[in-house]
Amino acid sequence: MNNLFFIVLTLFCVFLTGCERTIIEANKITCHDDNYEKSLSEIKNKHLQEIFIDECSAIRKSKEMREWKFKSSPEDKF
């Protein structure tokens, strides 16, 4: 009886792992211009698409904040 319970529980867990949704994680690779549209088209749920878009825009904003360009000061005219 104990072995049967263990086998049934194991099969139940195996079947449940197949039902898991695959969610594309927003990172610098999937949010890159080349992969962005492809990654977005693979997400079928509109709510998950909105989450992905928001996360990608946050990643892009943080990237813009970290990048800087040197701008020299204007010449002094004394």
C-alpha atoms as a PDB file:
ATOM      1  CA  MET A   1       0.000   0.000   0.000  1.00  0.00           C
ATOM      2  CA  ASN A   2       2.822   2.402   0.867  1.00  0.00           C
ATOM      3  CA  ASN A   3       4.625   1.619  -2.400  1.00  0.00           C
ATOM      4  CA  LEU A   4       1.449   2.194  -4.407  1.00  0.00           C
ATOM      5  CA  PHE A   5       0.971   5.602  -2.785  1.00  0.00           C
ATOM      6  CA  PHE A   6       4.567   6.536  -3.607  1.00  0.00           C
ATOM      7  CA  ILE A   7       4.163   5.458  -7.242  1.00  0.00           C
ATOM      8  CA  VAL A   8       0.904   7.377  -7.659  1.00  0.00           C
ATOM      9  CA  LEU A   9       2.406  10.472  -6.052  1.00  0.00           C
ATOM     10  CA  THR A  10       5.452  10.272  -8.315  1.00  0.00           C
ATOM     11  CA  LEU A  11       3.317   9.930 -11.453  1.00  0.00           C
ATOM     12  CA  PHE A  12       1.145  12.826 -10.356  1.00  0.00           C
ATOM     13  CA  CYS A  13       4.219  15.037  -9.929  1.00  0.00           C
ATOM     14  CA  VAL A  14       5.574  14.005 -13.326  1.00  0.00           C
ATOM     15  CA  PHE A  15       2.305  14.915 -15.034  1.00  0.00           C
ATOM     16  CA  LEU A  16       2.134  18.281 -13.291  1.00  0.00           C
ATOM     17  CA  THR A  17       5.623  19.279 -14.379  1.00  0.00           C
ATOM     18  CA  GLY A  18       4.521  18.948 -17.993  1.00  0.00           C
ATOM     19  CA  CYS A  19       1.752  21.507 -17.441  1.00  0.00           C
ATOM     20  CA  GLU A  20       4.074  24.324 -16.474  1.00  0.00           C
ATOM     21  CA  ARG A  21       3.929  27.465 -18.636  1.00  0.00           C
ATOM     22  CA  THR A  22       7.135  28.564 -20.223  1.00  0.00           C
ATOM     23  CA  ILE A  23       7.663  32.242 -19.575  1.00  0.00           C
ATOM     24  CA  ILE A  24      10.324  34.106 -21.475  1.00  0.00           C
ATOM     25  CA  GLU A  25      12.489  36.042 -19.075  1.00  0.00           C
ATOM     26  CA  ALA A  26      13.247  39.641 -19.921  1.00  0.00           C
ATOM     27  CA  ASN A  27      17.004  40.114 -19.928  1.00  0.00           C
ATOM     28  CA  LYS A  28      19.553  41.971 -22.035  1.00  0.00           C
ATOM     29  CA  ILE A  29      19.584  39.192 -24.647  1.00  0.00           C
ATOM     30  CA  THR A  30      15.829  38.802 -25.124  1.00  0.00           C
ATOM     31  CA  CYS A  31      15.278  42.573 -24.976  1.00  0.00           C
ATOM     32  CA  HIS A  32      17.944  43.308 -27.583  1.00  0.00           C
ATOM     33  CA  ASP A  33      16.563  44.843 -30.786  1.00  0.00           C
ATOM     34  CA  ASP A  34      17.216  41.685 -32.819  1.00  0.00           C
ATOM     35  CA  ASN A  35      15.459  39.300 -30.417  1.00  0.00           C
ATOM     36  CA  TYR A  36      12.770  41.588 -28.979  1.00  0.00           C
ATOM     37  CA  GLU A  37      10.087  41.017 -31.631  1.00  0.00           C
ATOM     38  CA  LYS A  38      10.789  37.291 -31.787  1.00  0.00           C
ATOM     39  CA  SER A  39      10.534  36.934 -28.011  1.00  0.00           C
ATOM     40  CA  LEU A  40       7.382  39.033 -27.904  1.00  0.00           C
ATOM     41  CA  SER A  41       5.702  36.985 -30.637  1.00  0.00           C
ATOM     42  CA  GLU A  42       6.334  33.746 -28.720  1.00  0.00           C
ATOM     43  CA  ILE A  43       4.263  35.010 -25.777  1.00  0.00           C
ATOM     44  CA  LYS A  44       0.588  34.314 -26.466  1.00  0.00           C
ATOM     45  CA  ASN A  45      -0.956  35.747 -23.297  1.00  0.00           C
ATOM     46  CA  LYS A  46      -1.577  39.522 -23.558  1.00  0.00           C
ATOM     47  CA  HIS A  47      -0.995  40.066 -19.842  1.00  0.00           C
ATOM     48  CA  LEU A  48       2.375  38.303 -20.010  1.00  0.00           C
ATOM     49  CA  GLN A  49       3.252  40.360 -23.097  1.00  0.00           C
ATOM     50  CA  GLU A  50       2.597  43.574 -21.175  1.00  0.00           C
ATOM     51  CA  ILE A  51       4.797  42.368 -18.322  1.00  0.00           C
ATOM     52  CA  PHE A  52       7.564  41.481 -20.783  1.00  0.00           C
ATOM     53  CA  ILE A  53       7.317  44.908 -22.466  1.00  0.00           C
ATOM     54  CA  ASP A  54       7.478  46.708 -19.104  1.00  0.00           C
ATOM     55  CA  GLU A  55      10.491  44.697 -17.974  1.00  0.00           C
ATOM     56  CA  CYS A  56      12.306  45.298 -21.263  1.00  0.00           C
ATOM     57  CA  SER A  57      11.658  49.030 -21.082  1.00  0.00           C
ATOM     58  CA  ALA A  58      13.034  49.056 -17.532  1.00  0.00           C
ATOM     59  CA  ILE A  59      16.146  47.221 -18.718  1.00  0.00           C
ATOM     60  CA  ARG A  60      16.617  49.712 -21.559  1.00  0.00           C
ATOM     61  CA  LYS A  61      16.181  52.705 -19.231  1.00  0.00           C
ATOM     62  CA  SER A  62      18.733  51.323 -16.779  1.00  0.00           C
ATOM     63  CA  LYS A  63      21.139  50.729 -19.654  1.00  0.00           C
ATOM     64  CA  GLU A  64      20.737  54.334 -20.806  1.00  0.00           C
ATOM     65  CA  MET A  65      21.369  55.587 -17.273  1.00  0.00           C
ATOM     66  CA  ARG A  66      24.595  53.586 -16.970  1.00  0.00           C
ATOM     67  CA  GLU A  67      26.007  54.661 -20.318  1.00  0.00           C
ATOM     68  CA  TRP A  68      27.542  58.089 -20.513  1.00  0.00           C
ATOM     69  CA  LYS A  69      29.604  60.050 -22.965  1.00  0.00           C
ATOM     70  CA  PHE A  70      32.362  62.450 -22.096  1.00  0.00           C
ATOM     71  CA  LYS A  71      31.469  66.025 -22.893  1.00  0.00           C
ATOM     72  CA  SER A  72      34.245  68.501 -22.488  1.00  0.00           C
ATOM     73  CA  SER A  73      33.560  71.787 -20.795  1.00  0.00           C
ATOM     74  CA  PRO A  74      33.190  74.847 -22.984  1.00  0.00           C
ATOM     75  CA  GLU A  75      36.338  76.906 -23.418  1.00  0.00           C
ATOM     76  CA  ASP A  76      36.843  79.688 -20.925  1.00  0.00           C
ATOM     77  CA  LYS A  77      36.815  83.213 -22.346  1.00  0.00           C
ATOM     78  CA  PHE A  78      38.353  85.498 -19.772  1.00  0.00           C
END
